[in-house]
Amino acid sequence: MRFAKPSTSAQTKQRSHQTADGFPAHSFRTLPLELASRAKVTYEMRRDASNLTFRQVLEPTPRHARAYERMQTFPVTKNCF
C-alpha cells in the first residue's frame, strides 16, 4: 500500500512545530484546547439591595484570530448577548 508523501510545507511544520507565519502548529486534538482558552466572563457587583451584572467576551489573541480565519468562521462577539 502506498501512502501520500507529505508536502514540503507539511514536513517543515512537522520539524519546526510552527506554521509559515510563526504560529504554533496544532493538530485536530490540540487546536480545540487552544481555542478553549478564550473565555466569556460574567461579573456581578452587589451593593446594598441592587445587583449589577455584565458580561465580557475577551478579544481573541492573534493565534485565535488566525485559527478562526483559517476555519472560515466568525468568533463570538459582544453583540451576541
PDB file of N, CA and C in Angstrom:
ATOM      1  N   MET A   1       0.847  -1.168   0.000  1.00  0.00           N
ATOM      2  CA  MET A   1       0.000   0.000   0.000  1.00  0.00           C
ATOM      3  C   MET A   1       0.899   1.239   0.000  1.00  0.00           C
ATOM      4  N   ARG A   2       0.589   2.187  -0.842  1.00  0.00           N
ATOM      5  CA  ARG A   2       1.351   3.430  -0.911  1.00  0.00           C
ATOM      6  C   ARG A   2       0.611   4.529  -0.180  1.00  0.00           C
ATOM      7  N   PHE A   3       1.359   5.325   0.542  1.00  0.00           N
ATOM      8  CA  PHE A   3       0.787   6.465   1.252  1.00  0.00           C
ATOM      9  C   PHE A   3       1.211   7.744   0.554  1.00  0.00           C
ATOM     10  N   ALA A   4       0.403   8.768   0.659  1.00  0.00           N
ATOM     11  CA  ALA A   4       0.746  10.061   0.068  1.00  0.00           C
ATOM     12  C   ALA A   4       1.957  10.638   0.787  1.00  0.00           C
ATOM     13  N   LYS A   5       2.827  11.251   0.042  1.00  0.00           N
ATOM     14  CA  LYS A   5       4.023  11.867   0.612  1.00  0.00           C
ATOM     15  C   LYS A   5       3.655  13.271   1.111  1.00  0.00           C
ATOM     16  N   PRO A   6       4.019  13.607   2.349  1.00  0.00           N
ATOM     17  CA  PRO A   6       3.714  14.950   2.861  1.00  0.00           C
ATOM     18  C   PRO A   6       4.406  16.020   2.017  1.00  0.00           C
ATOM     19  N   SER A   7       3.720  17.151   1.865  1.00  0.00           N
ATOM     20  CA  SER A   7       4.301  18.258   1.108  1.00  0.00           C
ATOM     21  C   SER A   7       5.507  18.827   1.853  1.00  0.00           C
ATOM     22  N   THR A   8       6.279  19.628   1.161  1.00  0.00           N
ATOM     23  CA  THR A   8       7.448  20.260   1.772  1.00  0.00           C
ATOM     24  C   THR A   8       7.026  21.137   2.947  1.00  0.00           C
ATOM     25  N   SER A   9       5.943  21.900   2.784  1.00  0.00           N
ATOM     26  CA  SER A   9       5.488  22.776   3.886  1.00  0.00           C
ATOM     27  C   SER A   9       5.014  21.939   5.073  1.00  0.00           C
ATOM     28  N   ALA A  10       4.374  20.800   4.814  1.00  0.00           N
ATOM     29  CA  ALA A  10       3.933  19.932   5.913  1.00  0.00           C
ATOM     30  C   ALA A  10       5.130  19.353   6.656  1.00  0.00           C
ATOM     31  N   GLN A  11       6.157  18.978   5.922  1.00  0.00           N
ATOM     32  CA  GLN A  11       7.365  18.454   6.555  1.00  0.00           C
ATOM     33  C   GLN A  11       8.051  19.533   7.403  1.00  0.00           C
ATOM     34  N   THR A  12       8.082  20.768   6.891  1.00  0.00           N
ATOM     35  CA  THR A  12       8.678  21.882   7.637  1.00  0.00           C
ATOM     36  C   THR A  12       7.906  22.137   8.922  1.00  0.00           C
ATOM     37  N   LYS A  13       6.577  22.134   8.841  1.00  0.00           N
ATOM     38  CA  LYS A  13       5.745  22.332  10.037  1.00  0.00           C
ATOM     39  C   LYS A  13       5.985  21.225  11.060  1.00  0.00           C
ATOM     40  N   GLN A  14       6.118  20.011  10.568  1.00  0.00           N
ATOM     41  CA  GLN A  14       6.325  18.882  11.479  1.00  0.00           C
ATOM     42  C   GLN A  14       7.668  19.007  12.209  1.00  0.00           C
ATOM     43  N   ARG A  15       8.692  19.456  11.511  1.00  0.00           N
ATOM     44  CA  ARG A  15      10.008  19.616  12.138  1.00  0.00           C
ATOM     45  C   ARG A  15      10.059  20.811  13.093  1.00  0.00           C
ATOM     46  N   SER A  16       9.482  21.946  12.676  1.00  0.00           N
ATOM     47  CA  SER A  16       9.606  23.183  13.459  1.00  0.00           C
ATOM     48  C   SER A  16       8.480  23.384  14.473  1.00  0.00           C
ATOM     49  N   HIS A  17       7.375  22.660  14.295  1.00  0.00           N
ATOM     50  CA  HIS A  17       6.177  22.834  15.132  1.00  0.00           C
ATOM     51  C   HIS A  17       5.616  24.242  15.025  1.00  0.00           C
ATOM     52  N   GLN A  18       5.866  24.900  13.887  1.00  0.00           N
ATOM     53  CA  GLN A  18       5.349  26.244  13.632  1.00  0.00           C
ATOM     54  C   GLN A  18       4.816  26.336  12.212  1.00  0.00           C
ATOM     55  N   THR A  19       3.836  27.230  12.037  1.00  0.00           N
ATOM     56  CA  THR A  19       3.320  27.491  10.701  1.00  0.00           C
ATOM     57  C   THR A  19       4.269  28.450   9.988  1.00  0.00           C
ATOM     58  N   ALA A  20       4.039  28.672   8.714  1.00  0.00           N
ATOM     59  CA  ALA A  20       4.897  29.566   7.938  1.00  0.00           C
ATOM     60  C   ALA A  20       4.867  30.991   8.482  1.00  0.00           C
ATOM     61  N   ASP A  21       3.756  31.393   9.112  1.00  0.00           N
ATOM     62  CA  ASP A  21       3.671  32.745   9.668  1.00  0.00           C
ATOM     63  C   ASP A  21       4.074  32.815  11.141  1.00  0.00           C
ATOM     64  N   GLY A  22       4.686  31.752  11.665  1.00  0.00           N
ATOM     65  CA  GLY A  22       5.268  31.801  13.010  1.00  0.00           C
ATOM     66  C   GLY A  22       4.374  31.370  14.158  1.00  0.00           C
ATOM     67  N   PHE A  23       3.160  30.952  13.873  1.00  0.00           N
ATOM     68  CA  PHE A  23       2.263  30.489  14.932  1.00  0.00           C
ATOM     69  C   PHE A  23       2.540  29.019  15.235  1.00  0.00           C
ATOM     70  N   PRO A  24       2.234  28.565  16.448  1.00  0.00           N
ATOM     71  CA  PRO A  24       2.416  27.146  16.768  1.00  0.00           C
ATOM     72  C   PRO A  24       1.509  26.286  15.887  1.00  0.00           C
ATOM     73  N   ALA A  25       2.047  25.198  15.399  1.00  0.00           N
ATOM     74  CA  ALA A  25       1.248  24.267  14.600  1.00  0.00           C
ATOM     75  C   ALA A  25       0.412  23.412  15.554  1.00  0.00           C
ATOM     76  N   HIS A  26      -0.855  23.192  15.196  1.00  0.00           N
ATOM     77  CA  HIS A  26      -1.752  22.408  16.027  1.00  0.00           C
ATOM     78  C   HIS A  26      -2.283  21.212  15.263  1.00  0.00           C
ATOM     79  N   SER A  27      -2.702  20.221  16.009  1.00  0.00           N
ATOM     80  CA  SER A  27      -3.386  19.075  15.421  1.00  0.00           C
ATOM     81  C   SER A  27      -4.878  19.257  15.687  1.00  0.00           C
ATOM     82  N   PHE A  28      -5.685  18.338  15.182  1.00  0.00           N
ATOM     83  CA  PHE A  28      -7.119  18.401  15.468  1.00  0.00           C
ATOM     84  C   PHE A  28      -7.386  18.175  16.954  1.00  0.00           C
ATOM     85  N   ARG A  29      -6.436  17.575  17.663  1.00  0.00           N
ATOM     86  CA  ARG A  29      -6.582  17.354  19.101  1.00  0.00           C
ATOM     87  C   ARG A  29      -6.199  18.592  19.906  1.00  0.00           C
ATOM     88  N   THR A  30      -5.145  19.301  19.490  1.00  0.00           N
ATOM     89  CA  THR A  30      -4.654  20.423  20.291  1.00  0.00           C
ATOM     90  C   THR A  30      -5.334  21.752  19.956  1.00  0.00           C
ATOM     91  N   LEU A  31      -5.853  21.911  18.743  1.00  0.00           N
ATOM     92  CA  LEU A  31      -6.484  23.177  18.381  1.00  0.00           C
ATOM     93  C   LEU A  31      -7.690  23.503  19.263  1.00  0.00           C
ATOM     94  N   PRO A  32      -8.616  22.572  19.518  1.00  0.00           N
ATOM     95  CA  PRO A  32      -9.733  22.911  20.418  1.00  0.00           C
ATOM     96  C   PRO A  32      -9.264  23.317  21.821  1.00  0.00           C
ATOM     97  N   LEU A  33      -8.188  22.731  22.290  1.00  0.00           N
ATOM     98  CA  LEU A  33      -7.659  23.110  23.600  1.00  0.00           C
ATOM     99  C   LEU A  33      -7.165  24.554  23.585  1.00  0.00           C
ATOM    100  N   GLU A  34      -6.529  24.942  22.508  1.00  0.00           N
ATOM    101  CA  GLU A  34      -6.061  26.328  22.358  1.00  0.00           C
ATOM    102  C   GLU A  34      -7.243  27.291  22.298  1.00  0.00           C
ATOM    103  N   LEU A  35      -8.254  26.955  21.504  1.00  0.00           N
ATOM    104  CA  LEU A  35      -9.409  27.836  21.354  1.00  0.00           C
ATOM    105  C   LEU A  35     -10.256  27.894  22.618  1.00  0.00           C
ATOM    106  N   ALA A  36     -10.210  26.855  23.432  1.00  0.00           N
ATOM    107  CA  ALA A  36     -10.994  26.828  24.678  1.00  0.00           C
ATOM    108  C   ALA A  36     -10.481  27.816  25.701  1.00  0.00           C
ATOM    109  N   SER A  37      -9.289  28.348  25.488  1.00  0.00           N
ATOM    110  CA  SER A  37      -8.746  29.308  26.462  1.00  0.00           C
ATOM    111  C   SER A  37      -9.400  30.680  26.330  1.00  0.00           C
ATOM    112  N   ARG A  38     -10.168  30.904  25.276  1.00  0.00           N
ATOM    113  CA  ARG A  38     -10.911  32.160  25.132  1.00  0.00           C
ATOM    114  C   ARG A  38     -12.149  32.054  26.007  1.00  0.00           C
ATOM    115  N   ALA A  39     -12.440  33.107  26.740  1.00  0.00           N
ATOM    116  CA  ALA A  39     -13.484  32.984  27.748  1.00  0.00           C
ATOM    117  C   ALA A  39     -14.529  34.097  27.656  1.00  0.00           C
ATOM    118  N   LYS A  40     -15.694  33.782  28.204  1.00  0.00           N
ATOM    119  CA  LYS A  40     -16.734  34.766  28.444  1.00  0.00           C
ATOM    120  C   LYS A  40     -16.795  34.904  29.964  1.00  0.00           C
ATOM    121  N   VAL A  41     -16.612  36.095  30.453  1.00  0.00           N
ATOM    122  CA  VAL A  41     -16.556  36.321  31.892  1.00  0.00           C
ATOM    123  C   VAL A  41     -17.799  37.083  32.316  1.00  0.00           C
ATOM    124  N   THR A  42     -18.453  36.632  33.376  1.00  0.00           N
ATOM    125  CA  THR A  42     -19.615  37.326  33.921  1.00  0.00           C
ATOM    126  C   THR A  42     -19.226  37.941  35.256  1.00  0.00           C
ATOM    127  N   TYR A  43     -19.460  39.229  35.363  1.00  0.00           N
ATOM    128  CA  TYR A  43     -19.172  39.956  36.598  1.00  0.00           C
ATOM    129  C   TYR A  43     -20.487  40.277  37.289  1.00  0.00           C
ATOM    130  N   GLU A  44     -20.491  40.149  38.598  1.00  0.00           N
ATOM    131  CA  GLU A  44     -21.674  40.502  39.367  1.00  0.00           C
ATOM    132  C   GLU A  44     -21.230  41.368  40.534  1.00  0.00           C
ATOM    133  N   MET A  45     -21.778  42.567  40.585  1.00  0.00           N
ATOM    134  CA  MET A  45     -21.430  43.502  41.658  1.00  0.00           C
ATOM    135  C   MET A  45     -22.667  43.731  42.505  1.00  0.00           C
ATOM    136  N   ARG A  46     -22.513  43.549  43.791  1.00  0.00           N
ATOM    137  CA  ARG A  46     -23.645  43.733  44.704  1.00  0.00           C
ATOM    138  C   ARG A  46     -23.379  44.930  45.594  1.00  0.00           C
ATOM    139  N   ARG A  47     -24.347  45.784  45.637  1.00  0.00           N
ATOM    140  CA  ARG A  47     -24.250  46.950  46.507  1.00  0.00           C
ATOM    141  C   ARG A  47     -25.631  47.183  47.098  1.00  0.00           C
ATOM    142  N   ASP A  48     -25.706  47.079  48.382  1.00  0.00           N
ATOM    143  CA  ASP A  48     -26.986  47.209  49.098  1.00  0.00           C
ATOM    144  C   ASP A  48     -28.004  46.252  48.495  1.00  0.00           C
ATOM    145  N   ALA A  49     -29.137  46.790  48.032  1.00  0.00           N
ATOM    146  CA  ALA A  49     -30.199  45.934  47.503  1.00  0.00           C
ATOM    147  C   ALA A  49     -30.110  45.766  45.981  1.00  0.00           C
ATOM    148  N   SER A  50     -29.187  46.447  45.347  1.00  0.00           N
ATOM    149  CA  SER A  50     -29.120  46.369  43.882  1.00  0.00           C
ATOM    150  C   SER A  50     -27.951  45.495  43.434  1.00  0.00           C
ATOM    151  N   ASN A  51     -28.155  44.812  42.335  1.00  0.00           N
ATOM    152  CA  ASN A  51     -27.118  43.974  41.726  1.00  0.00           C
ATOM    153  C   ASN A  51     -26.863  44.471  40.309  1.00  0.00           C
ATOM    154  N   LEU A  52     -25.630  44.476  39.928  1.00  0.00           N
ATOM    155  CA  LEU A  52     -25.259  44.837  38.573  1.00  0.00           C
ATOM    156  C   LEU A  52     -24.475  43.675  37.989  1.00  0.00           C
ATOM    157  N   THR A  53     -24.958  43.152  36.886  1.00  0.00           N
ATOM    158  CA  THR A  53     -24.290  42.024  36.228  1.00  0.00           C
ATOM    159  C   THR A  53     -23.963  42.418  34.801  1.00  0.00           C
ATOM    160  N   PHE A  54     -22.760  42.105  34.365  1.00  0.00           N
ATOM    161  CA  PHE A  54     -22.417  42.318  32.967  1.00  0.00           C
ATOM    162  C   PHE A  54     -21.448  41.241  32.517  1.00  0.00           C
ATOM    163  N   ARG A  55     -21.415  41.036  31.188  1.00  0.00           N
ATOM    164  CA  ARG A  55     -20.567  40.002  30.603  1.00  0.00           C
ATOM    165  C   ARG A  55     -19.502  40.635  29.721  1.00  0.00           C
ATOM    166  N   GLN A  56     -18.379  39.991  29.691  1.00  0.00           N
ATOM    167  CA  GLN A  56     -17.281  40.447  28.843  1.00  0.00           C
ATOM    168  C   GLN A  56     -16.755  39.238  28.073  1.00  0.00           C
ATOM    169  N   VAL A  57     -16.642  39.391  26.764  1.00  0.00           N
ATOM    170  CA  VAL A  57     -16.026  38.365  25.943  1.00  0.00           C
ATOM    171  C   VAL A  57     -14.629  38.865  25.618  1.00  0.00           C
ATOM    172  N   LEU A  58     -13.640  38.100  26.009  1.00  0.00           N
ATOM    173  CA  LEU A  58     -12.272  38.515  25.783  1.00  0.00           C
ATOM    174  C   LEU A  58     -11.962  38.560  24.295  1.00  0.00           C
ATOM    175  N   GLU A  59     -11.189  39.541  23.894  1.00  0.00           N
ATOM    176  CA  GLU A  59     -10.780  39.654  22.493  1.00  0.00           C
ATOM    177  C   GLU A  59      -9.928  38.439  22.124  1.00  0.00           C
ATOM    178  N   PRO A  60     -10.050  37.965  20.896  1.00  0.00           N
ATOM    179  CA  PRO A  60      -9.229  36.825  20.501  1.00  0.00           C
ATOM    180  C   PRO A  60      -7.752  37.219  20.429  1.00  0.00           C
ATOM    181  N   THR A  61      -6.905  36.300  20.820  1.00  0.00           N
ATOM    182  CA  THR A  61      -5.472  36.513  20.661  1.00  0.00           C
ATOM    183  C   THR A  61      -5.149  36.409  19.173  1.00  0.00           C
ATOM    184  N   PRO A  62      -3.973  36.832  18.753  1.00  0.00           N
ATOM    185  CA  PRO A  62      -3.625  36.645  17.338  1.00  0.00           C
ATOM    186  C   PRO A  62      -3.722  35.184  16.891  1.00  0.00           C
ATOM    187  N   ARG A  63      -3.372  34.253  17.789  1.00  0.00           N
ATOM    188  CA  ARG A  63      -3.488  32.828  17.445  1.00  0.00           C
ATOM    189  C   ARG A  63      -4.937  32.432  17.239  1.00  0.00           C
ATOM    190  N   HIS A  64      -5.820  32.906  18.148  1.00  0.00           N
ATOM    191  CA  HIS A  64      -7.243  32.599  17.999  1.00  0.00           C
ATOM    192  C   HIS A  64      -7.778  33.187  16.698  1.00  0.00           C
ATOM    193  N   ALA A  65      -7.458  34.456  16.450  1.00  0.00           N
ATOM    194  CA  ALA A  65      -7.960  35.118  15.244  1.00  0.00           C
ATOM    195  C   ALA A  65      -7.521  34.370  13.996  1.00  0.00           C
ATOM    196  N   ARG A  66      -6.287  33.930  13.970  1.00  0.00           N
ATOM    197  CA  ARG A  66      -5.770  33.197  12.807  1.00  0.00           C
ATOM    198  C   ARG A  66      -6.482  31.857  12.654  1.00  0.00           C
ATOM    199  N   ALA A  67      -6.727  31.175  13.765  1.00  0.00           N
ATOM    200  CA  ALA A  67      -7.436  29.886  13.700  1.00  0.00           C
ATOM    201  C   ALA A  67      -8.856  30.081  13.183  1.00  0.00           C
ATOM    202  N   TYR A  68      -9.562  31.106  13.685  1.00  0.00           N
ATOM    203  CA  TYR A  68     -10.918  31.378  13.201  1.00  0.00           C
ATOM    204  C   TYR A  68     -10.896  31.729  11.714  1.00  0.00           C
ATOM    205  N   GLU A  69      -9.903  32.497  11.322  1.00  0.00           N
ATOM    206  CA  GLU A  69      -9.773  32.867   9.916  1.00  0.00           C
ATOM    207  C   GLU A  69      -9.563  31.620   9.056  1.00  0.00           C
ATOM    208  N   ARG A  70      -8.711  30.743   9.515  1.00  0.00           N
ATOM    209  CA  ARG A  70      -8.433  29.515   8.765  1.00  0.00           C
ATOM    210  C   ARG A  70      -9.655  28.607   8.703  1.00  0.00           C
ATOM    211  N   MET A  71     -10.440  28.591   9.758  1.00  0.00           N
ATOM    212  CA  MET A  71     -11.642  27.752   9.768  1.00  0.00           C
ATOM    213  C   MET A  71     -12.796  28.431   9.042  1.00  0.00           C
ATOM    214  N   GLN A  72     -12.582  29.674   8.649  1.00  0.00           N
ATOM    215  CA  GLN A  72     -13.589  30.475   7.959  1.00  0.00           C
ATOM    216  C   GLN A  72     -14.872  30.594   8.768  1.00  0.00           C
ATOM    217  N   THR A  73     -14.690  30.847  10.067  1.00  0.00           N
ATOM    218  CA  THR A  73     -15.831  31.115  10.934  1.00  0.00           C
ATOM    219  C   THR A  73     -15.605  32.448  11.612  1.00  0.00           C
ATOM    220  N   PHE A  74     -16.607  32.933  12.253  1.00  0.00           N
ATOM    221  CA  PHE A  74     -16.502  34.199  12.956  1.00  0.00           C
ATOM    222  C   PHE A  74     -16.481  33.945  14.453  1.00  0.00           C
ATOM    223  N   PRO A  75     -15.608  34.633  15.184  1.00  0.00           N
ATOM    224  CA  PRO A  75     -15.583  34.457  16.633  1.00  0.00           C
ATOM    225  C   PRO A  75     -16.841  35.047  17.262  1.00  0.00           C
ATOM    226  N   VAL A  76     -17.164  34.589  18.438  1.00  0.00           N
ATOM    227  CA  VAL A  76     -18.289  35.139  19.180  1.00  0.00           C
ATOM    228  C   VAL A  76     -17.960  36.579  19.519  1.00  0.00           C
ATOM    229  N   THR A  77     -18.915  37.471  19.293  1.00  0.00           N
ATOM    230  CA  THR A  77     -18.681  38.887  19.602  1.00  0.00           C
ATOM    231  C   THR A  77     -19.561  39.321  20.746  1.00  0.00           C
ATOM    232  N   LYS A  78     -19.261  40.471  21.276  1.00  0.00           N
ATOM    233  CA  LYS A  78     -20.005  41.009  22.418  1.00  0.00           C
ATOM    234  C   LYS A  78     -21.467  41.255  22.059  1.00  0.00           C
ATOM    235  N   ASN A  79     -21.757  41.489  20.778  1.00  0.00           N
ATOM    236  CA  ASN A  79     -23.120  41.808  20.358  1.00  0.00           C
ATOM    237  C   ASN A  79     -24.036  40.592  20.330  1.00  0.00           C
ATOM    238  N   CYS A  80     -23.520  39.412  20.581  1.00  0.00           N
ATOM    239  CA  CYS A  80     -24.339  38.191  20.526  1.00  0.00           C
ATOM    240  C   CYS A  80     -25.148  37.956  21.798  1.00  0.00           C
ATOM    241  N   PHE A  81     -24.968  38.764  22.803  1.00  0.00           N
ATOM    242  CA  PHE A  81     -25.646  38.512  24.072  1.00  0.00           C
ATOM    243  C   PHE A  81     -26.867  39.308  24.176  1.00  0.00           C
TER     244      PHE A  81
END
